[in-house]
Amino acid sequence: MVLATQGRHNDSCAYSVNCEDVTVAQPDFSGIIRVAVAAITVLAGACVTSHVIVGKVRPEISADQVQLYLHPPQAKYEQIAILDTSSRHSLSITAQGKIDAVIKRLKGEAAKLGANGILL
């Protein structure tokens, strides 16, 4: 930064600074912001969960209401869709973190379709 000073140098080294002549350059972050927004858009648009509708879609429910089944439930049930997902773009490092990300995504997708259960 360059300061415009007025006065003369004397033995005490005192200077008078005229602040009106001081210009501070501001960095231009507009290009960086555009790149960040584009990257977020691409990541958000890179869908890692998909579905194929094979039954009647119902009104959306909360993902907390969706249960996981390892075996078909004893009660009668209807198949609504076939879901496909992965842990890509989840930022999970551990195996358990990746499993949790997949389960969260499956439950979220099932809930959007109105399904209250997922048969794994």
C-alpha atoms as a PDB file:
ATOM      1  CA  MET A   1       0.000   0.000   0.000  1.00  0.00           C
ATOM      2  CA  VAL A   2       1.288   3.439  -0.861  1.00  0.00           C
ATOM      3  CA  LEU A   3       0.595   6.348   1.454  1.00  0.00           C
ATOM      4  CA  ALA A   4       0.715   9.955   0.350  1.00  0.00           C
ATOM      5  CA  THR A   5       2.432  11.937   3.062  1.00  0.00           C
ATOM      6  CA  GLN A   6       2.646  15.640   3.637  1.00  0.00           C
ATOM      7  CA  GLY A   7       5.174  17.615   5.663  1.00  0.00           C
ATOM      8  CA  ARG A   8       8.864  17.365   5.927  1.00  0.00           C
ATOM      9  CA  HIS A   9      11.194  14.981   7.587  1.00  0.00           C
ATOM     10  CA  ASN A  10      12.742  16.303  10.759  1.00  0.00           C
ATOM     11  CA  ASP A  11      14.834  14.799  13.492  1.00  0.00           C
ATOM     12  CA  SER A  12      11.776  13.289  15.252  1.00  0.00           C
ATOM     13  CA  CYS A  13      10.642  11.565  12.036  1.00  0.00           C
ATOM     14  CA  ALA A  14       7.084  12.879  12.361  1.00  0.00           C
ATOM     15  CA  TYR A  15       4.888  12.697   9.286  1.00  0.00           C
ATOM     16  CA  SER A  16       1.418  13.949   8.577  1.00  0.00           C
ATOM     17  CA  VAL A  17      -0.651  11.489   6.546  1.00  0.00           C
ATOM     18  CA  ASN A  18      -3.389  12.705   4.242  1.00  0.00           C
ATOM     19  CA  CYS A  19      -5.896   9.841   4.345  1.00  0.00           C
ATOM     20  CA  GLU A  20      -7.972  11.182   1.455  1.00  0.00           C
ATOM     21  CA  ASP A  21      -5.186  10.268  -0.955  1.00  0.00           C
ATOM     22  CA  VAL A  22      -4.929   6.680   0.294  1.00  0.00           C
ATOM     23  CA  THR A  23      -6.321   4.077  -2.098  1.00  0.00           C
ATOM     24  CA  VAL A  24      -6.690   0.477  -0.989  1.00  0.00           C
ATOM     25  CA  ALA A  25      -6.996  -2.047  -3.787  1.00  0.00           C
ATOM     26  CA  GLN A  26      -9.823  -4.545  -3.213  1.00  0.00           C
ATOM     27  CA  PRO A  27      -9.308  -8.057  -4.621  1.00  0.00           C
ATOM     28  CA  ASP A  28     -11.800  -9.124  -7.284  1.00  0.00           C
ATOM     29  CA  PHE A  29     -13.424 -12.358  -6.120  1.00  0.00           C
ATOM     30  CA  SER A  30     -16.156 -12.413  -8.771  1.00  0.00           C
ATOM     31  CA  GLY A  31     -14.319 -14.997 -10.893  1.00  0.00           C
ATOM     32  CA  ILE A  32     -13.680 -17.261  -7.904  1.00  0.00           C
ATOM     33  CA  ILE A  33     -17.311 -16.983  -6.808  1.00  0.00           C
ATOM     34  CA  ARG A  34     -18.518 -17.913 -10.309  1.00  0.00           C
ATOM     35  CA  VAL A  35     -16.260 -20.977 -10.342  1.00  0.00           C
ATOM     36  CA  ALA A  36     -17.431 -22.048  -6.862  1.00  0.00           C
ATOM     37  CA  VAL A  37     -21.092 -21.686  -7.823  1.00  0.00           C
ATOM     38  CA  ALA A  38     -20.493 -23.672 -11.014  1.00  0.00           C
ATOM     39  CA  ALA A  39     -18.709 -26.444  -9.078  1.00  0.00           C
ATOM     40  CA  ILE A  40     -21.520 -26.680  -6.527  1.00  0.00           C
ATOM     41  CA  THR A  41     -24.083 -26.807  -9.323  1.00  0.00           C
ATOM     42  CA  VAL A  42     -22.210 -29.611 -11.078  1.00  0.00           C
ATOM     43  CA  LEU A  43     -21.836 -31.621  -7.873  1.00  0.00           C
ATOM     44  CA  ALA A  44     -25.466 -31.116  -6.940  1.00  0.00           C
ATOM     45  CA  GLY A  45     -26.536 -32.049 -10.448  1.00  0.00           C
ATOM     46  CA  ALA A  46     -24.458 -35.207 -10.507  1.00  0.00           C
ATOM     47  CA  CYS A  47     -27.271 -37.422  -9.299  1.00  0.00           C
ATOM     48  CA  VAL A  48     -26.075 -40.574  -7.618  1.00  0.00           C
ATOM     49  CA  THR A  49     -29.564 -41.865  -6.832  1.00  0.00           C
ATOM     50  CA  SER A  50     -32.034 -42.965  -9.469  1.00  0.00           C
ATOM     51  CA  HIS A  51     -35.243 -44.945  -9.606  1.00  0.00           C
ATOM     52  CA  VAL A  52     -37.436 -46.870 -12.006  1.00  0.00           C
ATOM     53  CA  ILE A  53     -41.144 -46.690 -11.224  1.00  0.00           C
ATOM     54  CA  VAL A  54     -42.782 -50.127 -11.281  1.00  0.00           C
ATOM     55  CA  GLY A  55     -45.912 -49.439  -9.221  1.00  0.00           C
ATOM     56  CA  LYS A  56     -48.159 -46.676  -7.941  1.00  0.00           C
ATOM     57  CA  VAL A  57     -46.324 -43.625  -6.549  1.00  0.00           C
ATOM     58  CA  ARG A  58     -47.846 -42.272  -3.358  1.00  0.00           C
ATOM     59  CA  PRO A  59     -47.693 -38.891  -1.603  1.00  0.00           C
ATOM     60  CA  GLU A  60     -44.283 -38.009  -0.191  1.00  0.00           C
ATOM     61  CA  ILE A  61     -43.548 -38.953   3.414  1.00  0.00           C
ATOM     62  CA  SER A  62     -40.703 -38.236   5.843  1.00  0.00           C
ATOM     63  CA  ALA A  63     -37.499 -40.239   5.342  1.00  0.00           C
ATOM     64  CA  ASP A  64     -37.644 -41.082   9.065  1.00  0.00           C
ATOM     65  CA  GLN A  65     -40.748 -43.183   8.386  1.00  0.00           C
ATOM     66  CA  VAL A  66     -38.950 -45.427   5.879  1.00  0.00           C
ATOM     67  CA  GLN A  67     -37.853 -48.812   7.271  1.00  0.00           C
ATOM     68  CA  LEU A  68     -35.204 -51.157   5.891  1.00  0.00           C
ATOM     69  CA  TYR A  69     -35.962 -54.852   5.349  1.00  0.00           C
ATOM     70  CA  LEU A  70     -33.436 -57.624   4.715  1.00  0.00           C
ATOM     71  CA  HIS A  71     -36.268 -60.093   4.023  1.00  0.00           C
ATOM     72  CA  PRO A  72     -39.740 -59.471   2.615  1.00  0.00           C
ATOM     73  CA  PRO A  73     -42.118 -58.389   5.387  1.00  0.00           C
ATOM     74  CA  GLN A  74     -44.817 -60.816   6.537  1.00  0.00           C
ATOM     75  CA  ALA A  75     -47.552 -58.309   5.697  1.00  0.00           C
ATOM     76  CA  LYS A  76     -48.732 -57.747   2.146  1.00  0.00           C
ATOM     77  CA  TYR A  77     -46.713 -55.092   0.339  1.00  0.00           C
ATOM     78  CA  GLU A  78     -46.597 -53.415  -3.058  1.00  0.00           C
ATOM     79  CA  GLN A  79     -43.487 -52.663  -5.037  1.00  0.00           C
ATOM     80  CA  ILE A  80     -43.324 -48.982  -6.003  1.00  0.00           C
ATOM     81  CA  ALA A  81     -39.879 -48.565  -7.560  1.00  0.00           C
ATOM     82  CA  ILE A  82     -36.419 -50.004  -8.004  1.00  0.00           C
ATOM     83  CA  LEU A  83     -33.811 -47.718  -6.465  1.00  0.00           C
ATOM     84  CA  ASP A  84     -30.141 -47.384  -7.340  1.00  0.00           C
ATOM     85  CA  THR A  85     -27.589 -45.298  -5.464  1.00  0.00           C
ATOM     86  CA  SER A  86     -23.966 -45.150  -4.337  1.00  0.00           C
ATOM     87  CA  SER A  87     -21.823 -43.307  -1.829  1.00  0.00           C
ATOM     88  CA  ARG A  88     -20.147 -41.171  -4.503  1.00  0.00           C
ATOM     89  CA  HIS A  89     -19.802 -37.475  -3.648  1.00  0.00           C
ATOM     90  CA  SER A  90     -20.707 -38.178  -0.011  1.00  0.00           C
ATOM     91  CA  LEU A  91     -17.306 -37.106   1.387  1.00  0.00           C
ATOM     92  CA  SER A  92     -17.397 -40.242   3.544  1.00  0.00           C
ATOM     93  CA  ILE A  93     -14.044 -41.887   4.215  1.00  0.00           C
ATOM     94  CA  THR A  94     -14.876 -44.902   6.347  1.00  0.00           C
ATOM     95  CA  ALA A  95     -16.868 -47.922   5.217  1.00  0.00           C
ATOM     96  CA  GLN A  96     -19.521 -47.205   7.850  1.00  0.00           C
ATOM     97  CA  GLY A  97     -19.765 -43.604   6.665  1.00  0.00           C
ATOM     98  CA  LYS A  98     -20.324 -44.789   3.096  1.00  0.00           C
ATOM     99  CA  ILE A  99     -23.014 -47.246   4.231  1.00  0.00           C
ATOM    100  CA  ASP A 100     -24.737 -44.489   6.204  1.00  0.00           C
ATOM    101  CA  ALA A 101     -24.657 -42.202   3.136  1.00  0.00           C
ATOM    102  CA  VAL A 102     -26.214 -44.911   0.938  1.00  0.00           C
ATOM    103  CA  ILE A 103     -28.948 -45.651   3.483  1.00  0.00           C
ATOM    104  CA  LYS A 104     -29.739 -41.948   3.870  1.00  0.00           C
ATOM    105  CA  ARG A 105     -29.994 -41.540   0.098  1.00  0.00           C
ATOM    106  CA  LEU A 106     -32.165 -44.648  -0.316  1.00  0.00           C
ATOM    107  CA  LYS A 107     -34.525 -43.548   2.441  1.00  0.00           C
ATOM    108  CA  GLY A 108     -34.748 -40.047   0.998  1.00  0.00           C
ATOM    109  CA  GLU A 109     -35.577 -41.327  -2.485  1.00  0.00           C
ATOM    110  CA  ALA A 110     -38.084 -43.864  -1.166  1.00  0.00           C
ATOM    111  CA  ALA A 111     -39.779 -41.173   0.921  1.00  0.00           C
ATOM    112  CA  LYS A 112     -40.158 -38.932  -2.146  1.00  0.00           C
ATOM    113  CA  LEU A 113     -42.009 -41.792  -3.851  1.00  0.00           C
ATOM    114  CA  GLY A 114     -44.218 -42.410  -0.808  1.00  0.00           C
ATOM    115  CA  ALA A 115     -42.668 -45.778   0.038  1.00  0.00           C
ATOM    116  CA  ASN A 116     -42.500 -46.635   3.732  1.00  0.00           C
ATOM    117  CA  GLY A 117     -40.061 -49.524   3.322  1.00  0.00           C
ATOM    118  CA  ILE A 118     -36.995 -50.617   1.359  1.00  0.00           C
ATOM    119  CA  LEU A 119     -36.333 -54.268   0.695  1.00  0.00           C
ATOM    120  CA  LEU A 120     -32.554 -54.697   0.389  1.00  0.00           C
END
